[in-house]
Amino acid sequence: MKLKIAPIGFMVGFGCGALFLIITQYRVTEQKAHLDASTTTQLKYRKSNWALHLEENMDGPLKDLRQQGQVRLPEKDVIEKMSISEAFKTYHSYLDNVDMLCKRKLRMGKLGDGGWEICDDAEYRPVKPCIVYSFGINNDFSFDDETAQNYECDVFSFDPSMKQKSYQRSPRVRFLSLGIDGKDYKKGSWDLHSLTSFKKMLNHTGRFIDVLKMDVEGSEWPALPNMISSGELSKVQQFLVEYHGHCDTKNDCLNKLNILKDIYDKGFRKFYVHKNHRCGFKNNLFPVIRTGCYEIHYVNINIQ
């Protein structure tokens, strides 16, 4: 008799268990459907509520910034008509935002000052034999050394301020005690040259530069117009630059915006922006703290 009862008990137990699982699953499904419906209702309400108060939100503390601070540069005739408020807000709004997405960024050099991001997407990454120009070293070769090691590029490092004679740092990194400007001349003990002259000096005339990094404490502004007008900047694949200056007068702002517009028109798009906290300042024209040192990382979409 025990042998006959055991199978029956097992079947009854198994059936009860199965029924329990079915009921539990039904309840879970029912609860999920209820939650989904509740979430959908909440989202619809939030969207409706947001649209209802959109006009009110536009009148908040950021209203003037949204109206005057453009994140896409207008044409030069529009720039020339800007007030100091419009120019200041556009300069800082534009440099604070990116134009495109680089899916893989790799930092070469230190995590703090000295390191820079390189876009490693297939259509933009340096591919050997590649050339890198690095202007402004300040005794920190971390970017130069890691770029040479990881991308196997020939790196040329420039800085006239280090009191260091030109030398071959490693098989792929060469240091030159020279600085960049918009023309060739001597400033005290410094020898300054245009990008065209540097390329001629290094037998790179007509060659494309895979990465050009420039952190030269304000000398970027006199150097850039020549780089643009000579066509040399158009032969740069990635342009990494730290822009210096507050843009605190109308003429200064307009001049900088016109240069930024020229760079944009040559095909350069910002894929990464970093605000150097050491240059932070407040201005009553802008509602949040600004920086006088924007590290901007571009790719040239005209070279792929």
C-alpha atoms as a PDB file:
ATOM      1  CA  MET A   1       0.000   0.000   0.000  1.00  0.00           C
ATOM      2  CA  LYS A   2       2.853   2.435   0.737  1.00  0.00           C
ATOM      3  CA  LEU A   3       4.263   1.880  -2.699  1.00  0.00           C
ATOM      4  CA  LYS A   4       0.932   2.893  -4.245  1.00  0.00           C
ATOM      5  CA  ILE A   5       0.411   5.968  -2.073  1.00  0.00           C
ATOM      6  CA  ALA A   6       3.835   7.487  -2.725  1.00  0.00           C
ATOM      7  CA  PRO A   7       3.289   8.120  -6.468  1.00  0.00           C
ATOM      8  CA  ILE A   8      -0.125   9.627  -5.787  1.00  0.00           C
ATOM      9  CA  GLY A   9       1.337  11.962  -3.121  1.00  0.00           C
ATOM     10  CA  PHE A  10       4.106  12.964  -5.485  1.00  0.00           C
ATOM     11  CA  MET A  11       1.628  13.795  -8.257  1.00  0.00           C
ATOM     12  CA  VAL A  12      -0.571  15.797  -5.884  1.00  0.00           C
ATOM     13  CA  GLY A  13       2.480  17.706  -4.573  1.00  0.00           C
ATOM     14  CA  PHE A  14       3.792  18.351  -8.075  1.00  0.00           C
ATOM     15  CA  GLY A  15       0.373  19.582  -9.210  1.00  0.00           C
ATOM     16  CA  CYS A  16       0.082  21.956  -6.267  1.00  0.00           C
ATOM     17  CA  GLY A  17       3.557  23.302  -6.956  1.00  0.00           C
ATOM     18  CA  ALA A  18       2.776  23.848 -10.623  1.00  0.00           C
ATOM     19  CA  LEU A  19      -0.475  25.593  -9.740  1.00  0.00           C
ATOM     20  CA  PHE A  20       1.394  27.831  -7.282  1.00  0.00           C
ATOM     21  CA  LEU A  21       3.940  28.781  -9.964  1.00  0.00           C
ATOM     22  CA  ILE A  22       1.159  29.562 -12.461  1.00  0.00           C
ATOM     23  CA  ILE A  23      -0.652  31.777  -9.942  1.00  0.00           C
ATOM     24  CA  THR A  24       2.598  33.505  -8.970  1.00  0.00           C
ATOM     25  CA  GLN A  25       3.553  34.108 -12.602  1.00  0.00           C
ATOM     26  CA  TYR A  26       0.069  35.489 -13.295  1.00  0.00           C
ATOM     27  CA  ARG A  27       0.372  37.878 -10.376  1.00  0.00           C
ATOM     28  CA  VAL A  28       3.858  39.013 -11.467  1.00  0.00           C
ATOM     29  CA  THR A  29       2.610  39.561 -15.023  1.00  0.00           C
ATOM     30  CA  GLU A  30      -0.423  41.435 -13.731  1.00  0.00           C
ATOM     31  CA  GLN A  31       1.753  43.626 -11.485  1.00  0.00           C
ATOM     32  CA  LYS A  32       4.183  44.326 -14.338  1.00  0.00           C
ATOM     33  CA  ALA A  33       1.325  45.326 -16.628  1.00  0.00           C
ATOM     34  CA  HIS A  34       0.017  47.619 -13.889  1.00  0.00           C
ATOM     35  CA  LEU A  35       3.470  49.185 -13.390  1.00  0.00           C
ATOM     36  CA  ASP A  36       3.950  49.614 -17.161  1.00  0.00           C
ATOM     37  CA  ALA A  37       0.575  51.313 -17.433  1.00  0.00           C
ATOM     38  CA  SER A  38       1.374  53.494 -14.430  1.00  0.00           C
ATOM     39  CA  THR A  39       4.778  54.474 -15.872  1.00  0.00           C
ATOM     40  CA  THR A  40       3.241  55.298 -19.248  1.00  0.00           C
ATOM     41  CA  THR A  41       0.640  57.480 -17.543  1.00  0.00           C
ATOM     42  CA  GLN A  42       3.325  59.262 -15.527  1.00  0.00           C
ATOM     43  CA  LEU A  43       5.462  59.859 -18.635  1.00  0.00           C
ATOM     44  CA  LYS A  44       2.478  61.267 -20.525  1.00  0.00           C
ATOM     45  CA  TYR A  45       1.690  63.537 -17.591  1.00  0.00           C
ATOM     46  CA  ARG A  46       5.330  64.656 -17.299  1.00  0.00           C
ATOM     47  CA  LYS A  47       5.540  65.428 -21.030  1.00  0.00           C
ATOM     48  CA  SER A  48       2.251  67.307 -20.925  1.00  0.00           C
ATOM     49  CA  ASN A  49       3.281  69.157 -17.782  1.00  0.00           C
ATOM     50  CA  TRP A  50       6.705  70.045 -19.279  1.00  0.00           C
ATOM     51  CA  ALA A  51       5.060  71.427 -22.441  1.00  0.00           C
ATOM     52  CA  LEU A  52       2.619  73.383 -20.320  1.00  0.00           C
ATOM     53  CA  HIS A  53       5.430  75.096 -18.406  1.00  0.00           C
ATOM     54  CA  LEU A  54       7.922  75.358 -21.279  1.00  0.00           C
ATOM     55  CA  GLU A  55       7.315  79.051 -21.815  1.00  0.00           C
ATOM     56  CA  GLU A  56       7.646  79.702 -18.097  1.00  0.00           C
ATOM     57  CA  ASN A  57      10.928  77.747 -17.964  1.00  0.00           C
ATOM     58  CA  MET A  58      12.328  79.786 -20.853  1.00  0.00           C
ATOM     59  CA  ASP A  59      11.854  82.914 -18.735  1.00  0.00           C
ATOM     60  CA  GLY A  60      14.179  81.644 -15.997  1.00  0.00           C
ATOM     61  CA  PRO A  61      17.714  82.777 -15.074  1.00  0.00           C
ATOM     62  CA  LEU A  62      19.167  81.229 -18.269  1.00  0.00           C
ATOM     63  CA  LYS A  63      16.845  83.068 -20.653  1.00  0.00           C
ATOM     64  CA  ASP A  64      19.378  85.658 -21.874  1.00  0.00           C
ATOM     65  CA  LEU A  65      22.084  83.026 -22.267  1.00  0.00           C
ATOM     66  CA  ARG A  66      19.863  80.826 -24.449  1.00  0.00           C
ATOM     67  CA  GLN A  67      18.900  83.790 -26.592  1.00  0.00           C
ATOM     68  CA  GLN A  68      22.351  85.340 -26.998  1.00  0.00           C
ATOM     69  CA  GLY A  69      24.875  82.550 -26.431  1.00  0.00           C
ATOM     70  CA  GLN A  70      24.953  80.596 -29.679  1.00  0.00           C
ATOM     71  CA  VAL A  71      26.469  77.106 -29.730  1.00  0.00           C
ATOM     72  CA  ARG A  72      26.664  77.156 -33.552  1.00  0.00           C
ATOM     73  CA  LEU A  73      28.652  80.056 -34.945  1.00  0.00           C
ATOM     74  CA  PRO A  74      26.714  82.340 -37.300  1.00  0.00           C
ATOM     75  CA  GLU A  75      28.165  83.907 -40.449  1.00  0.00           C
ATOM     76  CA  LYS A  76      30.786  86.636 -40.033  1.00  0.00           C
ATOM     77  CA  ASP A  77      28.429  89.480 -40.965  1.00  0.00           C
ATOM     78  CA  VAL A  78      26.221  88.449 -38.048  1.00  0.00           C
ATOM     79  CA  ILE A  79      29.247  88.150 -35.738  1.00  0.00           C
ATOM     80  CA  GLU A  80      30.365  91.685 -36.607  1.00  0.00           C
ATOM     81  CA  LYS A  81      27.003  93.094 -35.475  1.00  0.00           C
ATOM     82  CA  MET A  82      27.065  91.405 -32.069  1.00  0.00           C
ATOM     83  CA  SER A  83      27.046  93.421 -28.852  1.00  0.00           C
ATOM     84  CA  ILE A  84      29.676  92.657 -26.212  1.00  0.00           C
ATOM     85  CA  SER A  85      27.075  90.620 -24.310  1.00  0.00           C
ATOM     86  CA  GLU A  86      26.165  88.528 -27.375  1.00  0.00           C
ATOM     87  CA  ALA A  87      29.799  88.040 -28.377  1.00  0.00           C
ATOM     88  CA  PHE A  88      30.918  87.065 -24.863  1.00  0.00           C
ATOM     89  CA  LYS A  89      28.075  84.597 -24.400  1.00  0.00           C
ATOM     90  CA  THR A  90      28.559  83.088 -27.861  1.00  0.00           C
ATOM     91  CA  TYR A  91      32.327  82.689 -27.373  1.00  0.00           C
ATOM     92  CA  HIS A  92      31.923  80.809 -24.096  1.00  0.00           C
ATOM     93  CA  SER A  93      28.815  78.866 -25.167  1.00  0.00           C
ATOM     94  CA  TYR A  94      30.448  77.727 -28.403  1.00  0.00           C
ATOM     95  CA  LEU A  95      33.696  76.569 -26.792  1.00  0.00           C
ATOM     96  CA  ASP A  96      31.806  74.815 -24.005  1.00  0.00           C
ATOM     97  CA  ASN A  97      29.961  72.434 -26.369  1.00  0.00           C
ATOM     98  CA  VAL A  98      30.939  69.720 -28.856  1.00  0.00           C
ATOM     99  CA  ASP A  99      29.916  69.448 -32.516  1.00  0.00           C
ATOM    100  CA  MET A 100      30.214  65.693 -32.997  1.00  0.00           C
ATOM    101  CA  LEU A 101      30.719  62.354 -31.272  1.00  0.00           C
ATOM    102  CA  CYS A 102      34.024  60.520 -31.242  1.00  0.00           C
ATOM    103  CA  LYS A 103      33.140  56.967 -30.214  1.00  0.00           C
ATOM    104  CA  ARG A 104      36.572  56.098 -28.824  1.00  0.00           C
ATOM    105  CA  LYS A 105      38.810  58.707 -27.204  1.00  0.00           C
ATOM    106  CA  LEU A 106      42.233  57.722 -25.879  1.00  0.00           C
ATOM    107  CA  ARG A 107      44.145  59.994 -23.548  1.00  0.00           C
ATOM    108  CA  MET A 108      47.811  60.299 -24.282  1.00  0.00           C
ATOM    109  CA  GLY A 109      49.821  61.667 -21.355  1.00  0.00           C
ATOM    110  CA  LYS A 110      48.853  62.617 -17.825  1.00  0.00           C
ATOM    111  CA  LEU A 111      45.287  62.646 -16.556  1.00  0.00           C
ATOM    112  CA  GLY A 112      45.718  66.246 -15.426  1.00  0.00           C
ATOM    113  CA  ASP A 113      47.596  69.008 -17.238  1.00  0.00           C
ATOM    114  CA  GLY A 114      49.874  67.617 -19.926  1.00  0.00           C
ATOM    115  CA  GLY A 115      47.558  64.920 -21.280  1.00  0.00           C
ATOM    116  CA  TRP A 116      45.333  65.253 -24.349  1.00  0.00           C
ATOM    117  CA  GLU A 117      42.596  63.160 -25.948  1.00  0.00           C
ATOM    118  CA  ILE A 118      43.097  61.620 -29.395  1.00  0.00           C
ATOM    119  CA  CYS A 119      40.077  60.444 -31.375  1.00  0.00           C
ATOM    120  CA  ASP A 120      40.773  56.789 -32.122  1.00  0.00           C
ATOM    121  CA  ASP A 121      37.827  56.240 -34.475  1.00  0.00           C
ATOM    122  CA  ALA A 122      39.022  54.404 -37.586  1.00  0.00           C
ATOM    123  CA  GLU A 123      38.482  57.321 -39.964  1.00  0.00           C
ATOM    124  CA  TYR A 124      40.489  59.787 -37.823  1.00  0.00           C
ATOM    125  CA  ARG A 125      43.152  57.906 -35.863  1.00  0.00           C
ATOM    126  CA  PRO A 126      46.863  58.394 -36.651  1.00  0.00           C
ATOM    127  CA  VAL A 127      48.193  55.569 -38.796  1.00  0.00           C
ATOM    128  CA  LYS A 128      51.947  55.130 -39.268  1.00  0.00           C
ATOM    129  CA  PRO A 129      53.918  56.575 -40.899  1.00  0.00           C
ATOM    130  CA  CYS A 130      52.353  59.521 -39.040  1.00  0.00           C
ATOM    131  CA  ILE A 131      53.544  62.971 -38.018  1.00  0.00           C
ATOM    132  CA  VAL A 132      52.687  64.807 -34.792  1.00  0.00           C
ATOM    133  CA  TYR A 133      53.596  68.424 -33.978  1.00  0.00           C
ATOM    134  CA  SER A 134      53.416  69.351 -30.293  1.00  0.00           C
ATOM    135  CA  PHE A 135      53.749  73.066 -29.492  1.00  0.00           C
ATOM    136  CA  GLY A 136      54.182  73.993 -25.815  1.00  0.00           C
ATOM    137  CA  ILE A 137      55.857  71.364 -23.604  1.00  0.00           C
ATOM    138  CA  ASN A 138      56.736  73.104 -20.325  1.00  0.00           C
ATOM    139  CA  ASN A 139      59.000  70.158 -19.406  1.00  0.00           C
ATOM    140  CA  ASP A 140      56.114  67.665 -19.678  1.00  0.00           C
ATOM    141  CA  PHE A 141      56.644  65.178 -22.502  1.00  0.00           C
ATOM    142  CA  SER A 142      53.974  62.714 -21.355  1.00  0.00           C
ATOM    143  CA  PHE A 143      51.671  63.381 -24.346  1.00  0.00           C
ATOM    144  CA  ASP A 144      54.549  63.292 -26.822  1.00  0.00           C
ATOM    145  CA  ASP A 145      56.141  60.129 -25.429  1.00  0.00           C
ATOM    146  CA  GLU A 146      52.887  58.137 -25.202  1.00  0.00           C
ATOM    147  CA  THR A 147      51.708  59.216 -28.662  1.00  0.00           C
ATOM    148  CA  ALA A 148      55.041  58.128 -30.146  1.00  0.00           C
ATOM    149  CA  GLN A 149      54.931  54.827 -28.272  1.00  0.00           C
ATOM    150  CA  ASN A 150      51.289  53.894 -28.893  1.00  0.00           C
ATOM    151  CA  TYR A 151      50.714  55.198 -32.415  1.00  0.00           C
ATOM    152  CA  GLU A 152      54.345  54.823 -33.556  1.00  0.00           C
ATOM    153  CA  CYS A 153      54.334  58.376 -34.915  1.00  0.00           C
ATOM    154  CA  ASP A 154      57.281  60.684 -35.384  1.00  0.00           C
ATOM    155  CA  VAL A 155      56.688  63.444 -32.829  1.00  0.00           C
ATOM    156  CA  PHE A 156      58.234  66.901 -33.023  1.00  0.00           C
ATOM    157  CA  SER A 157      58.088  68.821 -29.743  1.00  0.00           C
ATOM    158  CA  PHE A 158      58.518  72.620 -29.715  1.00  0.00           C
ATOM    159  CA  ASP A 159      59.108  75.013 -26.833  1.00  0.00           C
ATOM    160  CA  PRO A 160      61.488  77.992 -26.678  1.00  0.00           C
ATOM    161  CA  SER A 161      60.814  78.684 -22.985  1.00  0.00           C
ATOM    162  CA  MET A 162      62.458  75.628 -21.409  1.00  0.00           C
ATOM    163  CA  LYS A 163      66.112  76.736 -21.575  1.00  0.00           C
ATOM    164  CA  GLN A 164      66.796  73.390 -23.181  1.00  0.00           C
ATOM    165  CA  LYS A 165      68.770  72.990 -26.394  1.00  0.00           C
ATOM    166  CA  SER A 166      67.268  71.023 -29.274  1.00  0.00           C
ATOM    167  CA  TYR A 167      67.959  67.278 -29.012  1.00  0.00           C
ATOM    168  CA  GLN A 168      66.719  63.838 -30.051  1.00  0.00           C
ATOM    169  CA  ARG A 169      64.736  62.696 -26.996  1.00  0.00           C
ATOM    170  CA  SER A 170      64.058  59.165 -28.274  1.00  0.00           C
ATOM    171  CA  PRO A 171      64.031  57.365 -31.629  1.00  0.00           C
ATOM    172  CA  ARG A 172      60.593  58.883 -32.393  1.00  0.00           C
ATOM    173  CA  VAL A 173      60.549  62.115 -30.352  1.00  0.00           C
ATOM    174  CA  ARG A 174      62.618  65.141 -31.332  1.00  0.00           C
ATOM    175  CA  PHE A 175      62.685  68.344 -29.258  1.00  0.00           C
ATOM    176  CA  LEU A 176      63.280  71.750 -30.865  1.00  0.00           C
ATOM    177  CA  SER A 177      63.862  74.894 -28.826  1.00  0.00           C
ATOM    178  CA  LEU A 178      61.642  76.946 -31.141  1.00  0.00           C
ATOM    179  CA  GLY A 179      58.170  78.489 -30.889  1.00  0.00           C
ATOM    180  CA  ILE A 180      55.217  79.055 -33.202  1.00  0.00           C
ATOM    181  CA  ASP A 181      53.795  82.381 -34.347  1.00  0.00           C
ATOM    182  CA  GLY A 182      52.246  83.871 -37.444  1.00  0.00           C
ATOM    183  CA  LYS A 183      55.604  84.917 -38.888  1.00  0.00           C
ATOM    184  CA  ASP A 184      59.346  84.266 -38.556  1.00  0.00           C
ATOM    185  CA  TYR A 185      61.123  86.566 -36.119  1.00  0.00           C
ATOM    186  CA  LYS A 186      63.150  86.684 -32.927  1.00  0.00           C
ATOM    187  CA  LYS A 187      61.518  87.694 -29.651  1.00  0.00           C
ATOM    188  CA  GLY A 188      64.263  88.208 -27.118  1.00  0.00           C
ATOM    189  CA  SER A 189      66.085  84.895 -26.974  1.00  0.00           C
ATOM    190  CA  TRP A 190      63.199  83.010 -28.591  1.00  0.00           C
ATOM    191  CA  ASP A 191      63.173  81.977 -32.244  1.00  0.00           C
ATOM    192  CA  LEU A 192      59.573  81.997 -33.509  1.00  0.00           C
ATOM    193  CA  HIS A 193      58.369  80.637 -36.842  1.00  0.00           C
ATOM    194  CA  SER A 194      55.166  80.046 -38.793  1.00  0.00           C
ATOM    195  CA  LEU A 195      53.861  76.526 -39.325  1.00  0.00           C
ATOM    196  CA  THR A 196      54.828  76.779 -43.004  1.00  0.00           C
ATOM    197  CA  SER A 197      58.431  77.498 -42.024  1.00  0.00           C
ATOM    198  CA  PHE A 198      58.523  74.604 -39.585  1.00  0.00           C
ATOM    199  CA  LYS A 199      57.289  72.179 -42.244  1.00  0.00           C
ATOM    200  CA  LYS A 200      59.883  73.443 -44.691  1.00  0.00           C
ATOM    201  CA  MET A 201      62.591  73.178 -42.020  1.00  0.00           C
ATOM    202  CA  LEU A 202      61.663  69.538 -41.290  1.00  0.00           C
ATOM    203  CA  ASN A 203      61.149  68.514 -44.943  1.00  0.00           C
ATOM    204  CA  HIS A 204      57.399  68.152 -44.395  1.00  0.00           C
ATOM    205  CA  THR A 205      56.246  70.632 -47.038  1.00  0.00           C
ATOM    206  CA  GLY A 206      53.031  69.327 -48.608  1.00  0.00           C
ATOM    207  CA  ARG A 207      52.741  66.552 -45.999  1.00  0.00           C
ATOM    208  CA  PHE A 208      49.671  66.051 -43.803  1.00  0.00           C
ATOM    209  CA  ILE A 209      50.083  66.314 -40.035  1.00  0.00           C
ATOM    210  CA  ASP A 210      48.111  63.641 -38.194  1.00  0.00           C
ATOM    211  CA  VAL A 211      47.920  65.498 -34.875  1.00  0.00           C
ATOM    212  CA  LEU A 212      48.854  69.086 -34.083  1.00  0.00           C
ATOM    213  CA  LYS A 213      48.746  70.024 -30.404  1.00  0.00           C
ATOM    214  CA  MET A 214      49.113  73.651 -29.349  1.00  0.00           C
ATOM    215  CA  ASP A 215      49.286  74.937 -25.767  1.00  0.00           C
ATOM    216  CA  VAL A 216      51.277  78.153 -26.125  1.00  0.00           C
ATOM    217  CA  GLU A 217      49.792  80.548 -23.554  1.00  0.00           C
ATOM    218  CA  GLY A 218      47.993  82.913 -25.914  1.00  0.00           C
ATOM    219  CA  SER A 219      50.344  82.703 -28.910  1.00  0.00           C
ATOM    220  CA  GLU A 220      47.727  80.558 -30.657  1.00  0.00           C
ATOM    221  CA  TRP A 221      45.778  83.693 -31.609  1.00  0.00           C
ATOM    222  CA  PRO A 222      48.529  85.366 -33.706  1.00  0.00           C
ATOM    223  CA  ALA A 223      49.598  81.986 -35.130  1.00  0.00           C
ATOM    224  CA  LEU A 224      46.182  80.755 -36.272  1.00  0.00           C
ATOM    225  CA  PRO A 225      45.338  83.336 -38.996  1.00  0.00           C
ATOM    226  CA  ASN A 226      48.539  82.427 -40.861  1.00  0.00           C
ATOM    227  CA  MET A 227      47.905  78.694 -40.391  1.00  0.00           C
ATOM    228  CA  ILE A 228      44.445  79.206 -41.910  1.00  0.00           C
ATOM    229  CA  SER A 229      45.342  81.550 -44.788  1.00  0.00           C
ATOM    230  CA  SER A 230      48.398  79.501 -45.819  1.00  0.00           C
ATOM    231  CA  GLY A 231      46.285  76.350 -46.089  1.00  0.00           C
ATOM    232  CA  GLU A 232      48.486  74.500 -43.592  1.00  0.00           C
ATOM    233  CA  LEU A 233      45.693  73.981 -41.040  1.00  0.00           C
ATOM    234  CA  SER A 234      43.614  72.235 -43.718  1.00  0.00           C
ATOM    235  CA  LYS A 235      46.382  69.585 -43.858  1.00  0.00           C
ATOM    236  CA  VAL A 236      45.914  68.717 -40.167  1.00  0.00           C
ATOM    237  CA  GLN A 237      43.802  65.665 -39.232  1.00  0.00           C
ATOM    238  CA  GLN A 238      43.364  66.329 -35.500  1.00  0.00           C
ATOM    239  CA  PHE A 239      43.879  69.742 -33.914  1.00  0.00           C
ATOM    240  CA  LEU A 240      44.236  69.924 -30.123  1.00  0.00           C
ATOM    241  CA  VAL A 241      44.494  73.461 -28.768  1.00  0.00           C
ATOM    242  CA  GLU A 242      44.140  75.377 -25.530  1.00  0.00           C
ATOM    243  CA  TYR A 243      42.520  78.747 -26.181  1.00  0.00           C
ATOM    244  CA  HIS A 244      43.557  81.436 -23.703  1.00  0.00           C
ATOM    245  CA  GLY A 245      41.800  84.667 -22.836  1.00  0.00           C
ATOM    246  CA  HIS A 246      38.561  85.861 -21.253  1.00  0.00           C
ATOM    247  CA  CYS A 247      37.152  87.573 -24.348  1.00  0.00           C
ATOM    248  CA  ASP A 248      36.367  90.587 -22.174  1.00  0.00           C
ATOM    249  CA  THR A 249      36.266  93.385 -24.757  1.00  0.00           C
ATOM    250  CA  LYS A 250      34.110  93.603 -27.852  1.00  0.00           C
ATOM    251  CA  ASN A 251      36.996  93.773 -30.330  1.00  0.00           C
ATOM    252  CA  ASP A 252      38.786  90.869 -28.639  1.00  0.00           C
ATOM    253  CA  CYS A 253      35.625  88.756 -28.694  1.00  0.00           C
ATOM    254  CA  LEU A 254      34.840  89.519 -32.331  1.00  0.00           C
ATOM    255  CA  ASN A 255      38.412  88.763 -33.421  1.00  0.00           C
ATOM    256  CA  LYS A 256      38.394  85.418 -31.608  1.00  0.00           C
ATOM    257  CA  LEU A 257      34.944  84.489 -32.944  1.00  0.00           C
ATOM    258  CA  ASN A 258      36.040  85.235 -36.512  1.00  0.00           C
ATOM    259  CA  ILE A 259      39.069  82.961 -36.108  1.00  0.00           C
ATOM    260  CA  LEU A 260      36.888  80.210 -34.616  1.00  0.00           C
ATOM    261  CA  LYS A 261      34.486  80.607 -37.535  1.00  0.00           C
ATOM    262  CA  ASP A 262      37.363  80.211 -40.024  1.00  0.00           C
ATOM    263  CA  ILE A 263      38.473  77.019 -38.255  1.00  0.00           C
ATOM    264  CA  TYR A 264      34.926  75.647 -38.379  1.00  0.00           C
ATOM    265  CA  ASP A 265      34.614  76.505 -42.072  1.00  0.00           C
ATOM    266  CA  LYS A 266      37.813  74.566 -42.782  1.00  0.00           C
ATOM    267  CA  GLY A 267      36.045  71.413 -41.553  1.00  0.00           C
ATOM    268  CA  PHE A 268      37.117  71.212 -37.907  1.00  0.00           C
ATOM    269  CA  ARG A 269      34.557  69.855 -35.458  1.00  0.00           C
ATOM    270  CA  LYS A 270      34.901  69.732 -31.670  1.00  0.00           C
ATOM    271  CA  PHE A 271      34.707  66.204 -30.265  1.00  0.00           C
ATOM    272  CA  TYR A 272      35.920  66.942 -26.735  1.00  0.00           C
ATOM    273  CA  VAL A 273      36.056  70.043 -24.528  1.00  0.00           C
ATOM    274  CA  HIS A 274      37.775  70.525 -21.199  1.00  0.00           C
ATOM    275  CA  LYS A 275      37.660  73.660 -19.052  1.00  0.00           C
ATOM    276  CA  ASN A 276      40.928  74.259 -17.205  1.00  0.00           C
ATOM    277  CA  HIS A 277      39.876  75.031 -13.632  1.00  0.00           C
ATOM    278  CA  ARG A 278      43.036  77.024 -12.974  1.00  0.00           C
ATOM    279  CA  CYS A 279      41.731  79.787 -15.234  1.00  0.00           C
ATOM    280  CA  GLY A 280      38.252  80.042 -13.703  1.00  0.00           C
ATOM    281  CA  PHE A 281      36.567  83.421 -13.348  1.00  0.00           C
ATOM    282  CA  LYS A 282      33.148  84.979 -12.874  1.00  0.00           C
ATOM    283  CA  ASN A 283      31.541  87.597 -15.103  1.00  0.00           C
ATOM    284  CA  ASN A 284      28.136  89.205 -14.665  1.00  0.00           C
ATOM    285  CA  LEU A 285      27.410  88.603 -18.379  1.00  0.00           C
ATOM    286  CA  PHE A 286      27.317  84.831 -17.769  1.00  0.00           C
ATOM    287  CA  PRO A 287      25.269  83.056 -15.075  1.00  0.00           C
ATOM    288  CA  VAL A 288      27.844  80.350 -14.217  1.00  0.00           C
ATOM    289  CA  ILE A 289      31.610  80.287 -13.707  1.00  0.00           C
ATOM    290  CA  ARG A 290      33.715  80.432 -16.869  1.00  0.00           C
ATOM    291  CA  THR A 291      37.311  79.612 -17.735  1.00  0.00           C
ATOM    292  CA  GLY A 292      39.932  81.584 -19.595  1.00  0.00           C
ATOM    293  CA  CYS A 293      41.558  78.347 -20.784  1.00  0.00           C
ATOM    294  CA  TYR A 294      39.504  76.002 -22.987  1.00  0.00           C
ATOM    295  CA  GLU A 295      41.184  72.790 -24.118  1.00  0.00           C
ATOM    296  CA  ILE A 296      39.470  72.023 -27.425  1.00  0.00           C
ATOM    297  CA  HIS A 297      39.914  68.797 -29.382  1.00  0.00           C
ATOM    298  CA  TYR A 298      38.981  68.852 -33.069  1.00  0.00           C
ATOM    299  CA  VAL A 299      38.903  66.415 -35.960  1.00  0.00           C
ATOM    300  CA  ASN A 300      39.001  67.576 -39.565  1.00  0.00           C
ATOM    301  CA  ILE A 301      35.956  66.054 -41.256  1.00  0.00           C
ATOM    302  CA  ASN A 302      37.357  67.010 -44.664  1.00  0.00           C
ATOM    303  CA  ILE A 303      40.174  64.463 -44.225  1.00  0.00           C
ATOM    304  CA  GLN A 304      38.928  60.877 -43.870  1.00  0.00           C
END
